[in-house]
Structures are given as C-alpha cells and as structure tokens.
Amino acid sequence: MFGFKVGSNKFPYLERDNTAYAALRGEYTAGSASPSEKDYEENIFIRPVSRSSSRLWSCLIISLLITTNICTLFGLFAIRYLTTQLDAAESEYTPNSAARVETLPTTWMRLNWWTEYSDKNFTETDKLWDDINPAHGFIAMDREWAKSQHWPDSMHLPSDDSKNVYLLEAYHLIHCVTIIRKTFWEAIHGAETYTFNPPHAGHCIDMMRQYIMCKADNTPLYLFGDDTAGDEQYRKCNSWKALRDFATDHSACYRDTPPDADKSTFSLGAHFGFCDGGYDGLVQGERRGPWKHGVVFDGPAWR
C-alpha cells in the first residue's frame, strides 16, 4: 500500500510515503520470502471444518438434546407419580388396627318414602319386621386369616377355637332398627312392659346417629314442601345380596334368643349350632303411598 505526502513534483500536494507495512498475520520480516497461499489460509483466513467433523458435532448436539428431553420427561412423570402416591397416602390413610374388608359391588336403587315396611296395615308390617333375622350377620372366620387382615381379636366359635366370631356392621344396625321400631310402637300403644329395655333402644338410636355422621351422605334431596324429600331418587348402594351371600358362606350358625326363652338362663353356647340356610328375612320393599313427585326423574330428565 502507498501513501502520499505534500511536495511531490507530479502532485504538488502529495509526497510518497516510504513507510513499510508488515503482513496482518505471520512473522515476516524485511527480506523474507513472500507468504504463500497456504500461509494466507493458515494465518489470514479461518480453516474450513471438514464434513466428517461437522456431522460428528451435529450428532453430539442432537444426542444431547434427546437425552435432555428424555430426562426432563422422566423427571416430570416421576414427580407426578410421587405426588399422586403422597396424595393417595394422605387421603386413604388407614390406621393399622382397622379391619381390612373387601369392597362390595354397587348398584343404583330408588329409595321410597313409604314401603310395606312402613304401611299402616300393622298386621302386614309387623310380620315383615318380625321375619327379619339379624343373626344372619354373625360370621366365623379363621383366626390366622383374620389377624392377617387386621381384624380385631374376638370370641372363639364354641365348636372350633381356630375361628373367631364377628357380627357384620349392617346386620348390627338392622338389629338396632328393629329394636327402635318395636319400642316406639309399644310406647305409642301404651304397653305396660317393653320387649327390650328402653336403654337398649337408646343405645341403638345413638349408634344410628354415629353411623349417619360417619357416612356423611351428601346426596341432594329434592323438596316440594310435602314431606317427601328425595322420594324415589336414585342412590348408589352397596349390594345387599353380596353381603348376605358373604355372611352365608361364613355363617357362625348363630341365632338370637328365642322369644319364649328365659333370657337370664339362656347360655351363650345355646345361641350356636342353628344354621339359617342363608335366610335373613330382608327384602327391598315395595313402593307404597300416594306420592307422585318421585317420577320427576323418570326418562331422559334423569342423567
């Protein structure tokens, strides 16, 4: 490159600049050979990357991205799974001493405000209630199996001490309902004596209160101001047949104290050895009464 200074003959305002310039890169000195094209490639320009190296770097970057994505997805699924397990553990916490039981099949059923169990024909209703056999709920289970299911220890079956005797909750409550009903109507009719001592009925009423609070059923019942709240509405119910069959399969062959027996002398052992053949005397109950509002959920209106 050349520069010019003022004073040149040809160009009065310019003069040649004799300043020597070195190459931009390299260590060339005055008198050395001129840099070759290879030197320019190595020192002045960036050496191009080969295709094989480019492919290698691309593969490494893609692999890194795939690995990162897989790890991220795995981490998200792991966090979600652990969160679900923790939530389930908190919501389904079971005390160690709680009895493990199988879940019964469910079915949708309409519950009626009036049935033959509440009809005004006492000849019919009294027989229906008297036919109920709550003793069907007494079962005998192998002691070791019961222990493995966290069932509490219980009295032994008189004829087989390898089995424990239990009373299923539903049959206990049916027993309570029969006692409450009988005591109620005996009081209404002015009976001088009661079949069951009133404190027994008081216990049963309290058991019903506790059970209702335990289940806390939140079914919304419709109202029309005529004392038929929820008449014929559907409820999701456990299968009574399945419960009856379970009790039949594991029956303790227990019977309640016969009406004509002296309760003070009727021994505990005398209750056993009387199998009922799977009969508990309970039916669903036919709809009775003049109520009409229950049909509001018939047909396509019900979803």
C-alpha atoms as a PDB file:
ATOM      1  CA  MET A   1       0.000   0.000   0.000  1.00  0.00           C
ATOM      2  CA  PHE A   2       1.167   3.514  -0.648  1.00  0.00           C
ATOM      3  CA  GLY A   3       0.567   6.857   0.910  1.00  0.00           C
ATOM      4  CA  PHE A   4       1.425  10.360  -0.428  1.00  0.00           C
ATOM      5  CA  LYS A   5       2.736  13.474   1.163  1.00  0.00           C
ATOM      6  CA  VAL A   6       2.507  17.092   0.117  1.00  0.00           C
ATOM      7  CA  GLY A   7       5.516  18.243  -2.023  1.00  0.00           C
ATOM      8  CA  SER A   8       5.634  15.692  -4.866  1.00  0.00           C
ATOM      9  CA  ASN A   9       6.581  17.118  -8.296  1.00  0.00           C
ATOM     10  CA  LYS A  10       3.806  15.393 -10.116  1.00  0.00           C
ATOM     11  CA  PHE A  11       1.292  16.025  -7.426  1.00  0.00           C
ATOM     12  CA  PRO A  12       2.374  19.173  -5.674  1.00  0.00           C
ATOM     13  CA  TYR A  13       0.192  18.426  -2.688  1.00  0.00           C
ATOM     14  CA  LEU A  14       1.269  14.743  -2.254  1.00  0.00           C
ATOM     15  CA  GLU A  15       4.533  13.019  -1.365  1.00  0.00           C
ATOM     16  CA  ARG A  16       5.267   9.260  -1.419  1.00  0.00           C
ATOM     17  CA  ASP A  17       5.130   7.554   1.963  1.00  0.00           C
ATOM     18  CA  ASN A  18       8.014   5.116   2.308  1.00  0.00           C
ATOM     19  CA  THR A  19       6.610   3.504   5.484  1.00  0.00           C
ATOM     20  CA  ALA A  20       6.939  -0.328   5.345  1.00  0.00           C
ATOM     21  CA  TYR A  21       3.930  -2.432   6.300  1.00  0.00           C
ATOM     22  CA  ALA A  22       4.055  -5.991   7.584  1.00  0.00           C
ATOM     23  CA  ALA A  23       1.531  -8.732   6.837  1.00  0.00           C
ATOM     24  CA  LEU A  24      -1.521  -8.804   9.028  1.00  0.00           C
ATOM     25  CA  ARG A  25      -0.569 -12.255  10.425  1.00  0.00           C
ATOM     26  CA  GLY A  26       2.709 -14.152  10.438  1.00  0.00           C
ATOM     27  CA  GLU A  27       6.198 -13.235  11.451  1.00  0.00           C
ATOM     28  CA  TYR A  28       7.623 -11.993   8.161  1.00  0.00           C
ATOM     29  CA  THR A  29      10.483  -9.523   8.216  1.00  0.00           C
ATOM     30  CA  ALA A  30      12.119  -7.429   5.558  1.00  0.00           C
ATOM     31  CA  GLY A  31      13.904  -9.607   3.034  1.00  0.00           C
ATOM     32  CA  SER A  32      11.961 -12.794   3.804  1.00  0.00           C
ATOM     33  CA  ALA A  33      10.006 -14.626   1.173  1.00  0.00           C
ATOM     34  CA  SER A  34       6.506 -13.529   0.404  1.00  0.00           C
ATOM     35  CA  PRO A  35       3.806 -15.518   2.172  1.00  0.00           C
ATOM     36  CA  SER A  36       2.361 -18.335   0.134  1.00  0.00           C
ATOM     37  CA  GLU A  37      -1.341 -19.090  -0.404  1.00  0.00           C
ATOM     38  CA  LYS A  38      -1.093 -21.781   2.275  1.00  0.00           C
ATOM     39  CA  ASP A  39       0.268 -19.244   4.717  1.00  0.00           C
ATOM     40  CA  TYR A  40      -2.602 -16.917   3.970  1.00  0.00           C
ATOM     41  CA  GLU A  41      -5.063 -19.795   4.515  1.00  0.00           C
ATOM     42  CA  GLU A  42      -3.432 -20.709   7.824  1.00  0.00           C
ATOM     43  CA  ASN A  43      -2.784 -17.201   9.132  1.00  0.00           C
ATOM     44  CA  ILE A  44      -5.226 -14.843   7.458  1.00  0.00           C
ATOM     45  CA  PHE A  45      -8.322 -16.960   6.799  1.00  0.00           C
ATOM     46  CA  ILE A  46     -10.243 -19.429   9.049  1.00  0.00           C
ATOM     47  CA  ARG A  47      -9.567 -23.002   8.079  1.00  0.00           C
ATOM     48  CA  PRO A  48     -12.828 -24.644   6.898  1.00  0.00           C
ATOM     49  CA  VAL A  49     -14.224 -27.550   9.003  1.00  0.00           C
ATOM     50  CA  SER A  50     -14.378 -30.952   7.332  1.00  0.00           C
ATOM     51  CA  ARG A  51     -17.724 -32.645   6.617  1.00  0.00           C
ATOM     52  CA  SER A  52     -16.969 -35.564   8.948  1.00  0.00           C
ATOM     53  CA  SER A  53     -16.278 -33.216  11.856  1.00  0.00           C
ATOM     54  CA  SER A  54     -19.455 -31.284  11.125  1.00  0.00           C
ATOM     55  CA  ARG A  55     -21.521 -34.483  11.168  1.00  0.00           C
ATOM     56  CA  LEU A  56     -19.916 -35.589  14.425  1.00  0.00           C
ATOM     57  CA  TRP A  57     -20.765 -32.318  16.148  1.00  0.00           C
ATOM     58  CA  SER A  58     -24.328 -32.426  14.815  1.00  0.00           C
ATOM     59  CA  CYS A  59     -24.812 -35.961  16.134  1.00  0.00           C
ATOM     60  CA  LEU A  60     -23.411 -34.996  19.531  1.00  0.00           C
ATOM     61  CA  ILE A  61     -25.723 -31.984  19.811  1.00  0.00           C
ATOM     62  CA  ILE A  62     -28.798 -33.962  18.718  1.00  0.00           C
ATOM     63  CA  SER A  63     -27.958 -36.761  21.171  1.00  0.00           C
ATOM     64  CA  LEU A  64     -27.549 -34.238  23.951  1.00  0.00           C
ATOM     65  CA  LEU A  65     -30.920 -32.654  23.177  1.00  0.00           C
ATOM     66  CA  ILE A  66     -32.679 -36.035  23.034  1.00  0.00           C
ATOM     67  CA  THR A  67     -31.093 -37.135  26.315  1.00  0.00           C
ATOM     68  CA  THR A  68     -32.080 -33.866  27.981  1.00  0.00           C
ATOM     69  CA  ASN A  69     -35.676 -34.184  26.795  1.00  0.00           C
ATOM     70  CA  ILE A  70     -35.923 -37.797  27.959  1.00  0.00           C
ATOM     71  CA  CYS A  71     -34.523 -36.912  31.385  1.00  0.00           C
ATOM     72  CA  THR A  72     -36.939 -33.973  31.659  1.00  0.00           C
ATOM     73  CA  LEU A  73     -39.953 -36.112  30.740  1.00  0.00           C
ATOM     74  CA  PHE A  74     -38.868 -38.873  33.101  1.00  0.00           C
ATOM     75  CA  GLY A  75     -38.440 -36.342  35.882  1.00  0.00           C
ATOM     76  CA  LEU A  76     -41.907 -34.875  35.267  1.00  0.00           C
ATOM     77  CA  PHE A  77     -43.544 -38.306  35.276  1.00  0.00           C
ATOM     78  CA  ALA A  78     -41.637 -39.280  38.421  1.00  0.00           C
ATOM     79  CA  ILE A  79     -42.730 -36.101  40.216  1.00  0.00           C
ATOM     80  CA  ARG A  80     -46.332 -36.619  39.129  1.00  0.00           C
ATOM     81  CA  TYR A  81     -46.300 -40.261  40.254  1.00  0.00           C
ATOM     82  CA  LEU A  82     -44.780 -39.456  43.627  1.00  0.00           C
ATOM     83  CA  THR A  83     -47.221 -36.589  44.149  1.00  0.00           C
ATOM     84  CA  THR A  84     -50.142 -38.892  43.334  1.00  0.00           C
ATOM     85  CA  GLN A  85     -48.849 -41.525  45.736  1.00  0.00           C
ATOM     86  CA  LEU A  86     -48.395 -38.992  48.508  1.00  0.00           C
ATOM     87  CA  ASP A  87     -51.888 -37.573  47.953  1.00  0.00           C
ATOM     88  CA  ALA A  88     -53.345 -41.080  47.978  1.00  0.00           C
ATOM     89  CA  ALA A  89     -51.433 -41.937  51.126  1.00  0.00           C
ATOM     90  CA  GLU A  90     -52.805 -38.853  52.850  1.00  0.00           C
ATOM     91  CA  SER A  91     -56.405 -39.273  51.642  1.00  0.00           C
ATOM     92  CA  GLU A  92     -56.541 -43.051  52.109  1.00  0.00           C
ATOM     93  CA  TYR A  93     -54.638 -43.347  55.356  1.00  0.00           C
ATOM     94  CA  THR A  94     -55.763 -46.446  57.231  1.00  0.00           C
ATOM     95  CA  PRO A  95     -54.970 -46.989  60.915  1.00  0.00           C
ATOM     96  CA  ASN A  96     -53.001 -50.162  61.489  1.00  0.00           C
ATOM     97  CA  SER A  97     -55.716 -51.529  63.752  1.00  0.00           C
ATOM     98  CA  ALA A  98     -58.522 -51.004  61.199  1.00  0.00           C
ATOM     99  CA  ALA A  99     -60.059 -54.176  59.773  1.00  0.00           C
ATOM    100  CA  ARG A 100     -59.398 -54.707  56.062  1.00  0.00           C
ATOM    101  CA  VAL A 101     -62.539 -55.663  54.155  1.00  0.00           C
ATOM    102  CA  GLU A 102     -63.369 -56.275  50.518  1.00  0.00           C
ATOM    103  CA  THR A 103     -65.271 -53.632  48.584  1.00  0.00           C
ATOM    104  CA  LEU A 104     -68.813 -54.723  47.806  1.00  0.00           C
ATOM    105  CA  PRO A 105     -70.280 -54.329  44.300  1.00  0.00           C
ATOM    106  CA  THR A 106     -72.583 -51.334  43.937  1.00  0.00           C
ATOM    107  CA  THR A 107     -75.918 -50.740  42.252  1.00  0.00           C
ATOM    108  CA  TRP A 108     -78.254 -47.780  41.672  1.00  0.00           C
ATOM    109  CA  MET A 109     -81.526 -48.012  43.589  1.00  0.00           C
ATOM    110  CA  ARG A 110     -84.540 -45.793  44.174  1.00  0.00           C
ATOM    111  CA  LEU A 111     -85.362 -45.209  47.849  1.00  0.00           C
ATOM    112  CA  ASN A 112     -89.057 -44.791  48.603  1.00  0.00           C
ATOM    113  CA  TRP A 113     -90.665 -42.576  51.227  1.00  0.00           C
ATOM    114  CA  TRP A 114     -93.199 -45.334  52.030  1.00  0.00           C
ATOM    115  CA  THR A 115     -92.903 -49.132  51.563  1.00  0.00           C
ATOM    116  CA  GLU A 116     -94.747 -52.115  53.033  1.00  0.00           C
ATOM    117  CA  TYR A 117     -92.322 -51.845  55.969  1.00  0.00           C
ATOM    118  CA  SER A 118     -93.963 -48.522  56.875  1.00  0.00           C
ATOM    119  CA  ASP A 119     -97.529 -49.256  55.798  1.00  0.00           C
ATOM    120  CA  LYS A 120    -100.431 -48.572  58.159  1.00  0.00           C
ATOM    121  CA  ASN A 121    -101.521 -52.200  57.936  1.00  0.00           C
ATOM    122  CA  PHE A 122     -99.787 -53.367  61.108  1.00  0.00           C
ATOM    123  CA  THR A 123    -100.715 -56.987  60.542  1.00  0.00           C
ATOM    124  CA  GLU A 124     -98.574 -56.934  57.425  1.00  0.00           C
ATOM    125  CA  THR A 125     -95.800 -54.647  58.627  1.00  0.00           C
ATOM    126  CA  ASP A 126     -95.355 -56.375  61.999  1.00  0.00           C
ATOM    127  CA  LYS A 127     -94.867 -59.708  60.252  1.00  0.00           C
ATOM    128  CA  LEU A 128     -92.303 -58.219  57.863  1.00  0.00           C
ATOM    129  CA  TRP A 129     -90.285 -56.783  60.737  1.00  0.00           C
ATOM    130  CA  ASP A 130     -90.590 -59.925  62.855  1.00  0.00           C
ATOM    131  CA  ASP A 131     -89.315 -62.008  59.947  1.00  0.00           C
ATOM    132  CA  ILE A 132     -86.029 -60.079  59.841  1.00  0.00           C
ATOM    133  CA  ASN A 133     -83.156 -62.251  61.024  1.00  0.00           C
ATOM    134  CA  PRO A 134     -80.251 -60.002  62.119  1.00  0.00           C
ATOM    135  CA  ALA A 135     -78.439 -63.056  63.490  1.00  0.00           C
ATOM    136  CA  HIS A 136     -77.582 -63.938  59.889  1.00  0.00           C
ATOM    137  CA  GLY A 137     -74.787 -61.356  60.230  1.00  0.00           C
ATOM    138  CA  PHE A 138     -72.815 -63.481  62.714  1.00  0.00           C
ATOM    139  CA  ILE A 139     -69.843 -64.987  60.887  1.00  0.00           C
ATOM    140  CA  ALA A 140     -66.957 -67.262  61.847  1.00  0.00           C
ATOM    141  CA  MET A 141     -63.519 -66.588  60.332  1.00  0.00           C
ATOM    142  CA  ASP A 142     -60.196 -68.352  60.621  1.00  0.00           C
ATOM    143  CA  ARG A 143     -58.210 -66.693  63.397  1.00  0.00           C
ATOM    144  CA  GLU A 144     -54.920 -66.504  61.480  1.00  0.00           C
ATOM    145  CA  TRP A 145     -56.611 -65.102  58.393  1.00  0.00           C
ATOM    146  CA  ALA A 146     -58.470 -62.535  60.497  1.00  0.00           C
ATOM    147  CA  LYS A 147     -55.195 -61.494  62.116  1.00  0.00           C
ATOM    148  CA  SER A 148     -53.576 -61.040  58.697  1.00  0.00           C
ATOM    149  CA  GLN A 149     -56.437 -58.706  57.734  1.00  0.00           C
ATOM    150  CA  HIS A 150     -56.026 -56.654  60.918  1.00  0.00           C
ATOM    151  CA  TRP A 151     -59.398 -57.822  62.207  1.00  0.00           C
ATOM    152  CA  PRO A 152     -59.548 -57.413  65.985  1.00  0.00           C
ATOM    153  CA  ASP A 153     -59.393 -60.464  68.189  1.00  0.00           C
ATOM    154  CA  SER A 154     -62.835 -61.777  69.063  1.00  0.00           C
ATOM    155  CA  MET A 155     -64.633 -64.587  70.889  1.00  0.00           C
ATOM    156  CA  HIS A 156     -63.961 -68.074  69.568  1.00  0.00           C
ATOM    157  CA  LEU A 157     -66.541 -70.254  67.909  1.00  0.00           C
ATOM    158  CA  PRO A 158     -67.631 -72.675  70.662  1.00  0.00           C
ATOM    159  CA  SER A 159     -67.314 -75.688  68.362  1.00  0.00           C
ATOM    160  CA  ASP A 160     -63.982 -74.599  66.797  1.00  0.00           C
ATOM    161  CA  ASP A 161     -61.493 -72.406  68.662  1.00  0.00           C
ATOM    162  CA  SER A 162     -59.475 -71.873  65.468  1.00  0.00           C
ATOM    163  CA  LYS A 163     -62.211 -69.450  64.340  1.00  0.00           C
ATOM    164  CA  ASN A 164     -63.269 -66.041  65.638  1.00  0.00           C
ATOM    165  CA  VAL A 165     -66.881 -64.875  65.673  1.00  0.00           C
ATOM    166  CA  TYR A 166     -67.822 -61.436  64.300  1.00  0.00           C
ATOM    167  CA  LEU A 167     -71.057 -59.522  63.653  1.00  0.00           C
ATOM    168  CA  LEU A 168     -71.223 -57.594  60.397  1.00  0.00           C
ATOM    169  CA  GLU A 169     -71.992 -53.899  60.967  1.00  0.00           C
ATOM    170  CA  ALA A 170     -75.008 -53.742  58.651  1.00  0.00           C
ATOM    171  CA  TYR A 171     -76.746 -56.577  60.497  1.00  0.00           C
ATOM    172  CA  HIS A 172     -75.970 -54.956  63.836  1.00  0.00           C
ATOM    173  CA  LEU A 173     -77.706 -51.783  62.648  1.00  0.00           C
ATOM    174  CA  ILE A 174     -80.675 -53.753  61.266  1.00  0.00           C
ATOM    175  CA  HIS A 175     -80.961 -55.305  64.727  1.00  0.00           C
ATOM    176  CA  CYS A 176     -80.965 -51.800  66.202  1.00  0.00           C
ATOM    177  CA  VAL A 177     -83.658 -50.576  63.820  1.00  0.00           C
ATOM    178  CA  THR A 178     -85.933 -53.488  64.759  1.00  0.00           C
ATOM    179  CA  ILE A 179     -85.464 -52.670  68.461  1.00  0.00           C
ATOM    180  CA  ILE A 180     -86.172 -48.948  67.956  1.00  0.00           C
ATOM    181  CA  ARG A 181     -89.319 -49.694  65.943  1.00  0.00           C
ATOM    182  CA  LYS A 182     -90.717 -52.205  68.424  1.00  0.00           C
ATOM    183  CA  THR A 183     -90.001 -49.968  71.415  1.00  0.00           C
ATOM    184  CA  PHE A 184     -91.542 -46.984  69.635  1.00  0.00           C
ATOM    185  CA  TRP A 185     -94.832 -48.677  68.798  1.00  0.00           C
ATOM    186  CA  GLU A 186     -95.052 -50.341  72.203  1.00  0.00           C
ATOM    187  CA  ALA A 187     -94.740 -46.867  73.759  1.00  0.00           C
ATOM    188  CA  ILE A 188     -97.332 -45.418  71.360  1.00  0.00           C
ATOM    189  CA  HIS A 189     -99.783 -48.185  72.200  1.00  0.00           C
ATOM    190  CA  GLY A 190     -99.209 -47.759  75.920  1.00  0.00           C
ATOM    191  CA  ALA A 191     -97.616 -51.120  76.612  1.00  0.00           C
ATOM    192  CA  GLU A 192     -97.073 -51.865  80.305  1.00  0.00           C
ATOM    193  CA  THR A 193     -93.859 -53.750  79.583  1.00  0.00           C
ATOM    194  CA  TYR A 194     -91.332 -53.493  76.772  1.00  0.00           C
ATOM    195  CA  THR A 195     -89.810 -56.310  74.777  1.00  0.00           C
ATOM    196  CA  PHE A 196     -86.462 -54.534  75.004  1.00  0.00           C
ATOM    197  CA  ASN A 197     -85.417 -52.308  77.873  1.00  0.00           C
ATOM    198  CA  PRO A 198     -85.623 -48.641  76.750  1.00  0.00           C
ATOM    199  CA  PRO A 199     -81.873 -48.067  77.410  1.00  0.00           C
ATOM    200  CA  HIS A 200     -81.219 -50.661  74.695  1.00  0.00           C
ATOM    201  CA  ALA A 201     -83.246 -48.574  72.252  1.00  0.00           C
ATOM    202  CA  GLY A 202     -81.345 -45.504  73.437  1.00  0.00           C
ATOM    203  CA  HIS A 203     -78.057 -47.221  72.561  1.00  0.00           C
ATOM    204  CA  CYS A 204     -79.410 -48.102  69.136  1.00  0.00           C
ATOM    205  CA  ILE A 205     -80.525 -44.550  68.426  1.00  0.00           C
ATOM    206  CA  ASP A 206     -77.059 -43.302  69.303  1.00  0.00           C
ATOM    207  CA  MET A 207     -75.454 -45.957  67.105  1.00  0.00           C
ATOM    208  CA  MET A 208     -77.588 -44.763  64.196  1.00  0.00           C
ATOM    209  CA  ARG A 209     -76.525 -41.186  64.886  1.00  0.00           C
ATOM    210  CA  GLN A 210     -72.838 -42.134  64.858  1.00  0.00           C
ATOM    211  CA  TYR A 211     -73.189 -44.230  61.726  1.00  0.00           C
ATOM    212  CA  ILE A 212     -75.003 -41.459  59.840  1.00  0.00           C
ATOM    213  CA  MET A 213     -72.311 -38.960  60.810  1.00  0.00           C
ATOM    214  CA  CYS A 214     -69.633 -41.472  59.812  1.00  0.00           C
ATOM    215  CA  LYS A 215     -71.041 -41.954  56.312  1.00  0.00           C
ATOM    216  CA  ALA A 216     -71.928 -38.260  55.828  1.00  0.00           C
ATOM    217  CA  ASP A 217     -74.050 -38.940  52.753  1.00  0.00           C
ATOM    218  CA  ASN A 218     -74.126 -35.765  50.633  1.00  0.00           C
ATOM    219  CA  THR A 219     -76.879 -36.801  48.207  1.00  0.00           C
ATOM    220  CA  PRO A 220     -79.002 -33.685  47.419  1.00  0.00           C
ATOM    221  CA  LEU A 221     -82.677 -34.470  48.050  1.00  0.00           C
ATOM    222  CA  TYR A 222     -85.347 -32.603  46.120  1.00  0.00           C
ATOM    223  CA  LEU A 223     -88.116 -30.818  48.048  1.00  0.00           C
ATOM    224  CA  PHE A 224     -91.698 -29.791  47.285  1.00  0.00           C
ATOM    225  CA  GLY A 225     -92.815 -28.985  50.810  1.00  0.00           C
ATOM    226  CA  ASP A 226     -94.917 -32.111  51.312  1.00  0.00           C
ATOM    227  CA  ASP A 227     -92.622 -34.282  53.459  1.00  0.00           C
ATOM    228  CA  THR A 228     -91.415 -36.403  50.567  1.00  0.00           C
ATOM    229  CA  ALA A 229     -87.811 -35.258  50.408  1.00  0.00           C
ATOM    230  CA  GLY A 230     -85.887 -37.410  47.944  1.00  0.00           C
ATOM    231  CA  ASP A 231     -88.755 -39.832  47.312  1.00  0.00           C
ATOM    232  CA  GLU A 232     -87.705 -42.272  44.563  1.00  0.00           C
ATOM    233  CA  GLN A 233     -84.386 -40.568  43.978  1.00  0.00           C
ATOM    234  CA  TYR A 234     -81.548 -42.818  42.960  1.00  0.00           C
ATOM    235  CA  ARG A 235     -78.834 -43.686  45.451  1.00  0.00           C
ATOM    236  CA  LYS A 236     -75.668 -45.635  44.792  1.00  0.00           C
ATOM    237  CA  CYS A 237     -75.940 -48.597  47.140  1.00  0.00           C
ATOM    238  CA  ASN A 238     -73.737 -51.493  48.112  1.00  0.00           C
ATOM    239  CA  SER A 239     -75.194 -54.824  47.074  1.00  0.00           C
ATOM    240  CA  TRP A 240     -77.143 -56.314  49.983  1.00  0.00           C
ATOM    241  CA  LYS A 241     -77.209 -59.648  48.163  1.00  0.00           C
ATOM    242  CA  ALA A 242     -73.408 -59.702  48.078  1.00  0.00           C
ATOM    243  CA  LEU A 243     -73.293 -59.010  51.815  1.00  0.00           C
ATOM    244  CA  ARG A 244     -75.923 -61.667  52.524  1.00  0.00           C
ATOM    245  CA  ASP A 245     -74.012 -64.207  50.441  1.00  0.00           C
ATOM    246  CA  PHE A 246     -70.760 -63.416  52.258  1.00  0.00           C
ATOM    247  CA  ALA A 247     -72.488 -63.940  55.611  1.00  0.00           C
ATOM    248  CA  THR A 248     -74.000 -67.194  54.350  1.00  0.00           C
ATOM    249  CA  ASP A 249     -70.627 -68.521  53.169  1.00  0.00           C
ATOM    250  CA  HIS A 250     -69.037 -67.793  56.565  1.00  0.00           C
ATOM    251  CA  SER A 251     -72.019 -68.328  58.810  1.00  0.00           C
ATOM    252  CA  ALA A 252     -71.393 -68.855  62.520  1.00  0.00           C
ATOM    253  CA  CYS A 253     -74.787 -70.611  62.698  1.00  0.00           C
ATOM    254  CA  TYR A 254     -75.918 -68.232  65.402  1.00  0.00           C
ATOM    255  CA  ARG A 255     -79.486 -67.489  66.500  1.00  0.00           C
ATOM    256  CA  ASP A 256     -80.955 -64.758  68.658  1.00  0.00           C
ATOM    257  CA  THR A 257     -82.605 -65.633  71.944  1.00  0.00           C
ATOM    258  CA  PRO A 258     -85.965 -67.292  71.176  1.00  0.00           C
ATOM    259  CA  PRO A 259     -88.990 -65.216  72.250  1.00  0.00           C
ATOM    260  CA  ASP A 260     -90.151 -67.905  74.673  1.00  0.00           C
ATOM    261  CA  ALA A 261     -86.724 -68.432  76.294  1.00  0.00           C
ATOM    262  CA  ASP A 262     -85.693 -67.076  79.672  1.00  0.00           C
ATOM    263  CA  LYS A 263     -83.011 -64.539  78.830  1.00  0.00           C
ATOM    264  CA  SER A 264     -81.484 -64.812  82.288  1.00  0.00           C
ATOM    265  CA  THR A 265     -80.765 -68.519  81.896  1.00  0.00           C
ATOM    266  CA  PHE A 266     -80.218 -68.784  78.127  1.00  0.00           C
ATOM    267  CA  SER A 267     -76.485 -69.526  77.846  1.00  0.00           C
ATOM    268  CA  LEU A 268     -74.134 -68.136  75.221  1.00  0.00           C
ATOM    269  CA  GLY A 269     -73.405 -71.595  73.831  1.00  0.00           C
ATOM    270  CA  ALA A 270     -77.111 -72.165  73.265  1.00  0.00           C
ATOM    271  CA  HIS A 271     -77.057 -69.495  70.570  1.00  0.00           C
ATOM    272  CA  PHE A 272     -74.809 -71.559  68.285  1.00  0.00           C
ATOM    273  CA  GLY A 273     -75.408 -74.594  66.133  1.00  0.00           C
ATOM    274  CA  PHE A 274     -78.506 -73.279  64.356  1.00  0.00           C
ATOM    275  CA  CYS A 275     -77.806 -72.502  60.695  1.00  0.00           C
ATOM    276  CA  ASP A 276     -80.388 -70.404  58.844  1.00  0.00           C
ATOM    277  CA  GLY A 277     -79.724 -71.677  55.325  1.00  0.00           C
ATOM    278  CA  GLY A 278     -78.850 -68.196  54.040  1.00  0.00           C
ATOM    279  CA  TYR A 279     -82.080 -66.542  55.165  1.00  0.00           C
ATOM    280  CA  ASP A 280     -82.051 -63.050  56.685  1.00  0.00           C
ATOM    281  CA  GLY A 281     -85.699 -62.148  56.061  1.00  0.00           C
ATOM    282  CA  LEU A 282     -84.940 -58.843  54.350  1.00  0.00           C
ATOM    283  CA  VAL A 283     -86.459 -57.630  51.076  1.00  0.00           C
ATOM    284  CA  GLN A 284     -86.050 -54.289  49.342  1.00  0.00           C
ATOM    285  CA  GLY A 285     -89.646 -53.254  49.944  1.00  0.00           C
ATOM    286  CA  GLU A 286     -92.401 -52.299  47.520  1.00  0.00           C
ATOM    287  CA  ARG A 287     -93.378 -48.694  46.976  1.00  0.00           C
ATOM    288  CA  ARG A 288     -96.458 -47.573  48.893  1.00  0.00           C
ATOM    289  CA  GLY A 289     -98.322 -44.325  49.401  1.00  0.00           C
ATOM    290  CA  PRO A 290     -99.950 -41.675  47.145  1.00  0.00           C
ATOM    291  CA  TRP A 291     -96.779 -39.706  46.486  1.00  0.00           C
ATOM    292  CA  LYS A 292     -96.148 -38.647  42.902  1.00  0.00           C
ATOM    293  CA  HIS A 293     -93.132 -36.394  42.948  1.00  0.00           C
ATOM    294  CA  GLY A 294     -90.686 -39.265  42.716  1.00  0.00           C
ATOM    295  CA  VAL A 295     -91.365 -39.615  38.985  1.00  0.00           C
ATOM    296  CA  VAL A 296     -89.706 -36.274  38.207  1.00  0.00           C
ATOM    297  CA  PHE A 297     -86.510 -38.164  37.456  1.00  0.00           C
ATOM    298  CA  ASP A 298     -88.034 -40.694  35.075  1.00  0.00           C
ATOM    299  CA  GLY A 299     -86.879 -40.899  31.493  1.00  0.00           C
ATOM    300  CA  PRO A 300     -84.397 -38.551  29.781  1.00  0.00           C
ATOM    301  CA  ALA A 301     -84.755 -35.910  32.523  1.00  0.00           C
ATOM    302  CA  TRP A 302     -82.531 -38.066  34.707  1.00  0.00           C
ATOM    303  CA  ARG A 303     -78.835 -38.100  33.882  1.00  0.00           C
END
